[in-house]
Protein backbone atom coordinates (compact mmCIF):
# COMPACT_ATOMS: atom_id res chain seq x y z
CA MET A 1 7.80 -9.73 -27.49
CA LYS A 2 5.76 -12.85 -28.24
CA GLY A 3 4.36 -15.77 -26.32
CA LYS A 4 5.01 -14.30 -22.88
CA LYS A 5 2.84 -14.22 -19.78
CA VAL A 6 2.85 -10.63 -18.59
CA VAL A 7 1.51 -8.68 -15.62
CA ILE A 8 0.91 -4.94 -15.83
CA THR A 9 0.28 -3.21 -12.50
CA GLY A 10 -1.73 -0.05 -12.96
CA GLY A 11 -2.83 -1.49 -16.28
CA ALA A 12 -6.08 0.51 -16.42
CA GLY A 13 -4.19 3.79 -16.20
CA PHE A 14 -2.93 6.01 -19.00
CA ILE A 15 0.42 4.36 -19.70
CA GLY A 16 -0.56 0.90 -18.50
CA SER A 17 -3.63 0.61 -20.72
CA ASN A 18 -1.76 1.72 -23.82
CA LEU A 19 0.96 -0.79 -22.98
CA ALA A 20 -1.61 -3.54 -22.46
CA LYS A 21 -3.20 -2.87 -25.85
CA SER A 22 0.11 -3.33 -27.64
CA ILE A 23 1.35 -6.33 -25.67
CA ALA A 24 -1.95 -8.25 -25.76
CA VAL A 25 -1.60 -8.78 -29.52
CA ASP A 26 1.00 -11.54 -29.05
CA ASN A 27 1.06 -12.27 -25.31
CA ASP A 28 -1.12 -13.27 -22.36
CA VAL A 29 -1.71 -10.21 -20.18
CA ILE A 30 -2.92 -9.90 -16.59
CA ILE A 31 -3.87 -6.37 -15.57
CA ILE A 32 -3.93 -5.40 -11.89
CA ASP A 33 -5.51 -2.05 -10.99
CA ASN A 34 -7.46 -0.77 -8.01
CA LEU A 35 -9.22 1.80 -10.26
CA THR A 36 -8.29 4.73 -8.02
CA THR A 37 -6.89 6.64 -10.98
CA GLY A 38 -7.21 3.94 -13.66
CA LYS A 39 -10.46 3.48 -15.57
CA LEU A 40 -12.10 0.37 -16.99
CA LYS A 41 -13.09 2.34 -20.10
CA ASN A 42 -9.37 2.52 -20.93
CA LEU A 43 -9.51 -1.23 -21.46
CA ASN A 44 -12.46 -1.17 -23.89
CA ASN A 45 -12.13 -3.84 -26.58
CA LEU A 46 -9.30 -5.60 -24.74
CA PHE A 47 -11.53 -8.07 -22.95
CA ALA A 48 -12.59 -9.62 -26.25
CA ASN A 49 -9.03 -10.92 -26.34
CA ASN A 50 -8.99 -14.25 -24.52
CA GLY A 51 -5.40 -13.61 -23.51
CA VAL A 52 -6.32 -10.63 -21.32
CA LYS A 53 -7.43 -10.92 -17.69
CA PHE A 54 -8.34 -8.03 -15.36
CA ILE A 55 -7.98 -8.17 -11.58
CA GLU A 56 -9.34 -5.33 -9.49
CA GLY A 57 -6.73 -5.29 -6.77
CA ASP A 58 -4.05 -3.32 -5.01
CA ILE A 59 -0.26 -3.50 -5.02
CA LEU A 60 -0.43 -3.12 -1.24
CA ASN A 61 -1.92 -6.63 -1.18
CA GLY A 62 1.21 -8.75 -1.17
CA GLU A 63 -0.75 -12.01 -1.07
CA LEU A 64 -2.63 -11.07 -4.26
CA LEU A 65 0.64 -10.23 -6.01
CA GLU A 66 2.26 -13.52 -4.97
CA LYS A 67 -0.71 -15.47 -6.32
CA THR A 68 -0.92 -13.46 -9.57
CA PHE A 69 2.79 -13.59 -10.38
CA GLN A 70 2.98 -17.37 -10.47
CA PHE A 71 4.37 -18.56 -13.84
CA VAL A 72 4.66 -14.94 -15.07
CA ASP A 73 7.57 -13.99 -17.33
CA ILE A 74 7.57 -10.18 -17.22
CA VAL A 75 6.12 -7.63 -14.78
CA PHE A 76 5.60 -4.06 -15.96
CA HIS A 77 5.20 -2.04 -12.77
CA GLU A 78 3.22 1.07 -13.75
CA ALA A 79 1.02 1.43 -10.65
CA ALA A 80 1.63 4.57 -8.62
CA ILE A 81 0.12 7.79 -7.36
CA PRO A 82 1.52 9.79 -10.28
CA SER A 83 1.51 13.40 -9.11
CA VAL A 84 4.15 15.74 -7.74
CA ILE A 85 1.53 18.15 -6.37
CA ARG A 86 -0.54 15.39 -4.75
CA SER A 87 2.58 13.93 -3.12
CA ILE A 88 3.31 17.29 -1.51
CA GLU A 89 -0.26 17.50 -0.24
CA ASP A 90 -0.33 13.87 0.97
CA PRO A 91 3.18 12.45 1.44
CA ILE A 92 1.96 9.50 3.54
CA SER A 93 -0.22 8.02 0.79
CA ASN A 94 2.55 8.66 -1.72
CA ASN A 95 4.99 6.73 0.47
CA GLU A 96 2.56 3.88 1.06
CA VAL A 97 1.68 3.24 -2.58
CA ASN A 98 4.83 4.26 -4.41
CA ILE A 99 7.43 2.83 -2.03
CA LYS A 100 5.74 0.03 -0.09
CA GLY A 101 3.75 -1.02 -3.16
CA THR A 102 6.90 -1.21 -5.27
CA LEU A 103 8.63 -3.28 -2.61
CA ASN A 104 5.66 -5.65 -2.59
CA VAL A 105 5.92 -6.03 -6.38
CA LEU A 106 9.63 -6.81 -6.20
CA VAL A 107 9.23 -9.34 -3.38
CA ALA A 108 6.42 -11.14 -5.23
CA ALA A 109 8.47 -11.13 -8.44
CA ARG A 110 11.47 -12.58 -6.63
CA ASN A 111 9.42 -15.25 -4.92
CA SER A 112 7.73 -16.21 -8.20
CA ASN A 113 10.94 -16.38 -10.27
CA VAL A 114 9.78 -13.66 -12.66
CA GLN A 115 12.24 -13.20 -15.54
CA LYS A 116 12.31 -9.40 -15.42
CA VAL A 117 10.66 -6.37 -13.79
CA VAL A 118 10.30 -3.15 -15.79
CA PHE A 119 9.80 -0.26 -13.35
CA ALA A 120 8.17 3.05 -14.29
CA SER A 121 10.36 5.73 -12.77
CA SER A 122 10.31 9.47 -13.45
CA ALA A 123 12.40 12.42 -14.58
CA ALA A 124 11.19 14.06 -11.36
CA VAL A 125 14.24 12.52 -9.65
CA TYR A 126 16.47 15.09 -11.39
CA GLY A 127 14.66 18.14 -10.03
CA ASP A 128 16.02 21.52 -11.09
CA VAL A 129 19.44 21.24 -12.67
CA SER A 130 21.87 23.78 -14.10
CA VAL A 131 23.19 21.49 -16.83
CA LEU A 132 21.08 20.11 -19.68
CA PRO A 133 20.46 17.56 -21.07
CA VAL A 134 20.26 15.39 -17.96
CA LYS A 135 22.09 12.07 -17.92
CA GLU A 136 21.33 9.01 -15.84
CA ASN A 137 24.54 9.35 -13.81
CA MET A 138 23.74 12.87 -12.60
CA GLN A 139 23.17 13.50 -8.90
CA PRO A 140 19.43 13.53 -8.11
CA ASN A 141 17.98 16.79 -6.81
CA LEU A 142 14.73 15.76 -5.17
CA GLN A 143 12.01 18.38 -4.82
CA SER A 144 8.95 16.33 -3.89
CA PRO A 145 7.92 13.16 -2.04
CA TYR A 146 6.94 11.77 -5.46
CA ALA A 147 10.51 12.17 -6.73
CA LEU A 148 11.82 10.54 -3.55
CA SER A 149 9.47 7.59 -3.98
CA LYS A 150 10.57 6.98 -7.56
CA LEU A 151 14.25 7.16 -6.66
CA THR A 152 13.65 4.77 -3.77
CA GLY A 153 11.96 2.39 -6.21
CA GLU A 154 15.04 2.53 -8.43
CA TYR A 155 17.30 1.76 -5.47
CA TYR A 156 15.12 -1.20 -4.51
CA CYS A 157 15.26 -2.47 -8.09
CA ARG A 158 19.05 -2.30 -8.06
CA LEU A 159 19.24 -4.08 -4.71
CA PHE A 160 16.92 -6.86 -5.83
CA SER A 161 19.04 -7.33 -8.94
CA GLU A 162 22.23 -7.52 -6.87
CA LEU A 163 20.96 -9.45 -3.83
CA TYR A 164 18.40 -11.78 -5.38
CA LYS A 165 19.46 -11.91 -9.05
CA LEU A 166 16.09 -10.52 -10.16
CA PRO A 167 16.68 -8.65 -13.44
CA THR A 168 15.20 -5.14 -13.26
CA ILE A 169 15.24 -2.13 -15.53
CA CYS A 170 14.05 1.36 -14.56
CA LEU A 171 12.64 3.77 -17.14
CA ARG A 172 12.72 7.43 -16.20
CA TYR A 173 9.72 8.81 -18.07
CA PHE A 174 9.79 12.47 -18.97
CA ASN A 175 6.55 14.29 -19.89
CA VAL A 176 4.42 11.52 -21.38
CA TYR A 177 1.24 12.51 -23.25
CA GLY A 178 -1.28 10.92 -25.58
CA PRO A 179 -4.67 9.19 -25.82
CA LYS A 180 -6.31 7.95 -22.59
CA GLN A 181 -4.58 10.54 -20.42
CA ASN A 182 -6.77 11.71 -17.56
CA LEU A 183 -8.68 14.91 -18.33
CA ASP A 184 -10.81 15.01 -15.20
CA SER A 185 -8.32 15.32 -12.36
CA GLU A 186 -7.13 18.61 -10.89
CA TYR A 187 -3.67 17.01 -11.18
CA SER A 188 -3.95 16.47 -14.94
CA SER A 189 -0.76 17.01 -16.91
CA VAL A 190 -0.28 20.16 -18.93
CA ILE A 191 -1.15 18.80 -22.40
CA PRO A 192 -4.56 17.26 -21.60
CA SER A 193 -5.33 20.28 -19.44
CA PHE A 194 -4.59 22.71 -22.26
CA ILE A 195 -6.48 20.66 -24.87
CA SER A 196 -9.60 20.17 -22.76
CA LYS A 197 -9.79 23.87 -21.87
CA VAL A 198 -9.37 25.09 -25.46
CA LEU A 199 -11.97 22.57 -26.68
CA GLU A 200 -14.36 24.08 -24.13
CA ASN A 201 -13.42 27.60 -25.33
CA ARG A 202 -11.69 28.36 -22.05
CA ALA A 203 -8.25 29.89 -21.77
CA PRO A 204 -5.45 27.46 -20.87
CA VAL A 205 -3.76 28.18 -17.54
CA ILE A 206 0.03 28.49 -17.41
CA TYR A 207 1.70 28.38 -14.00
CA GLY A 208 4.71 30.70 -14.01
CA ASP A 209 5.94 32.75 -16.97
CA GLY A 210 5.59 29.89 -19.48
CA ASN A 211 9.26 29.97 -20.44
CA GLN A 212 9.91 26.78 -18.48
CA THR A 213 10.75 23.87 -20.77
CA ARG A 214 9.64 20.26 -20.89
CA ASP A 215 10.71 17.18 -22.84
CA PHE A 216 7.40 15.79 -24.14
CA VAL A 217 7.28 12.16 -25.30
CA PHE A 218 4.33 10.51 -27.03
CA ILE A 219 2.73 7.48 -25.40
CA GLN A 220 3.45 5.09 -28.28
CA ASP A 221 7.15 5.86 -28.01
CA VAL A 222 6.94 5.06 -24.29
CA VAL A 223 5.11 1.79 -25.03
CA ARG A 224 7.86 0.77 -27.46
CA ALA A 225 10.48 1.68 -24.87
CA ASN A 226 8.85 -0.68 -22.37
CA ILE A 227 8.78 -3.55 -24.84
CA ILE A 228 12.40 -2.92 -25.84
CA ALA A 229 13.40 -2.82 -22.17
CA ALA A 230 11.63 -6.12 -21.45
CA ASP A 231 13.18 -7.86 -24.46
CA SER A 232 16.65 -6.49 -23.80
CA ALA A 233 19.22 -8.05 -21.49
CA ALA A 234 19.91 -4.54 -20.18
CA THR A 235 19.41 -3.58 -16.54
CA GLY A 236 19.79 -0.28 -14.72
CA VAL A 237 18.28 3.17 -15.34
CA PHE A 238 17.35 4.72 -18.71
CA ASN A 239 15.86 8.08 -19.70
CA ILE A 240 12.75 7.71 -21.88
CA ALA A 241 12.00 10.95 -23.67
CA SER A 242 12.08 12.69 -27.04
CA GLY A 243 15.46 14.31 -26.48
CA LYS A 244 13.96 17.70 -27.41
CA ASN A 245 12.45 20.37 -25.21
CA THR A 246 9.67 22.90 -25.70
CA THR A 247 8.57 25.92 -23.69
CA VAL A 248 5.14 25.76 -22.12
CA ASN A 249 4.29 28.98 -23.96
CA SER A 250 5.14 27.33 -27.30
CA LEU A 251 3.13 24.26 -26.36
CA ALA A 252 0.06 26.37 -25.56
CA GLN A 253 0.33 28.25 -28.85
CA GLU A 254 0.74 25.00 -30.81
CA ILE A 255 -2.41 23.53 -29.28
CA ILE A 256 -4.37 26.78 -29.79
CA SER A 257 -3.20 26.88 -33.43
CA ILE A 258 -4.09 23.24 -34.17
CA LEU A 259 -7.56 23.81 -32.74
CA GLY A 260 -8.04 27.04 -34.72
CA SER A 261 -8.67 29.10 -31.60
CA LYS A 262 -7.81 32.72 -30.77
CA LEU A 263 -7.71 32.19 -26.99
CA LYS A 264 -4.87 33.64 -24.94
CA PRO A 265 -3.36 31.79 -21.95
CA ILE A 266 -3.97 32.91 -18.38
CA TYR A 267 -0.89 33.09 -16.14
CA LYS A 268 -0.87 32.13 -12.47
CA ASP A 269 1.82 31.71 -9.82
CA ILE A 270 4.13 28.76 -10.37
CA ARG A 271 3.26 25.68 -8.31
CA VAL A 272 5.48 24.29 -5.57
CA GLY A 273 7.68 21.37 -6.60
CA GLU A 274 7.73 22.09 -10.34
CA VAL A 275 11.09 22.14 -12.09
CA ARG A 276 12.16 25.00 -14.35
CA ASN A 277 13.71 23.10 -17.25
CA SER A 278 13.76 19.51 -18.43
CA LEU A 279 15.61 17.86 -21.30
CA ALA A 280 16.85 14.27 -21.52
CA ASP A 281 19.99 12.75 -22.91
CA ILE A 282 18.62 9.54 -24.46
CA SER A 283 21.89 8.06 -25.68
CA MET A 284 21.72 5.20 -23.17
CA ALA A 285 18.21 4.32 -24.37
CA ASN A 286 19.49 4.55 -27.96
CA SER A 287 22.07 1.91 -27.07
CA ILE A 288 19.33 -0.67 -26.42
CA GLY A 289 17.35 0.25 -29.52
CA TYR A 290 15.00 3.01 -28.36
CA TYR A 291 14.50 5.95 -30.72
CA PRO A 292 11.42 8.21 -30.51
CA ASN A 293 9.37 8.27 -33.72
CA ILE A 294 6.56 10.76 -33.07
CA THR A 295 7.03 14.52 -33.41
CA LEU A 296 5.30 16.82 -30.93
CA GLU A 297 2.98 18.23 -33.62
CA ASN A 298 1.89 14.78 -34.81
CA GLY A 299 1.50 13.55 -31.25
CA LEU A 300 -0.65 16.55 -30.33
CA ARG A 301 -2.86 16.03 -33.38
CA GLU A 302 -3.34 12.35 -32.46
CA THR A 303 -4.11 13.27 -28.85
CA ILE A 304 -6.63 15.93 -29.86
CA LYS A 305 -8.30 13.50 -32.26
CA SER A 306 -8.65 10.93 -29.47
CA ILE A 307 -10.06 13.44 -27.00
CA ARG A 308 -12.63 14.63 -29.52
CA ILE A 309 -13.76 11.07 -30.19
CA THR A 310 -14.16 10.20 -26.51
CA SER A 311 -15.58 13.51 -25.26
């Protein structure tokens, strides 16, 4: 991708800021973020690039989106309240931001003649399934308001493509990890939570028996997937993952081993809304040129290195 004018909603967040860093090399980038979960420090060194502009704003502000999207080529819609647990605790806010906000983005993109919208969806739409790996044509099994909001966003994307001829592509992220992931929130994902605890010489906490599996995908693979999706003529829904799964117990031991610790995990009751097993079929993503490059071990080492530098 070169010479494009790009908007990234949620561009100060974990995925959005990593995406902005890569895209800003050859493109003009406008970042929109209300800094609820995103952080300006994630954008350090980007503002020296004259092609990067930051707007502190909200995707619930349709007027702001309409104004910002003028003459924009690509919109990467990353903004969301990204938590299954939080959506169960507060379904109204989840609905407002993740559904209404996504609709606002699509309307503004349509009205501004944007060339393509890349929507950040989630593997949460699959829920617990009896057959693995999961494929994009499988029946969703929603287990949280967050999953519902992401599936609704996908449906809106499809409708806008069909009704208004706005090209859209939806990327179902699996368990994304890497530098700039939030360590401070009680809703932090399992990898940053484990790393931060072990670095502080505290035992990592595993919810359930630890034999549940996840398909972990490194952030730079996800960034490449977004760029491939934007450049491609493809539309529809695509799994973005590593295509390999790992038990949470194995993950904890890998992190403990890398850090040279002798800590043992603490086990607590499994949390409501969490799926048992997750593994993606990525053959559809392969068909548009996406292949993950980073192994879990290498990705964990890079993540740990980043956390040590910024702690």
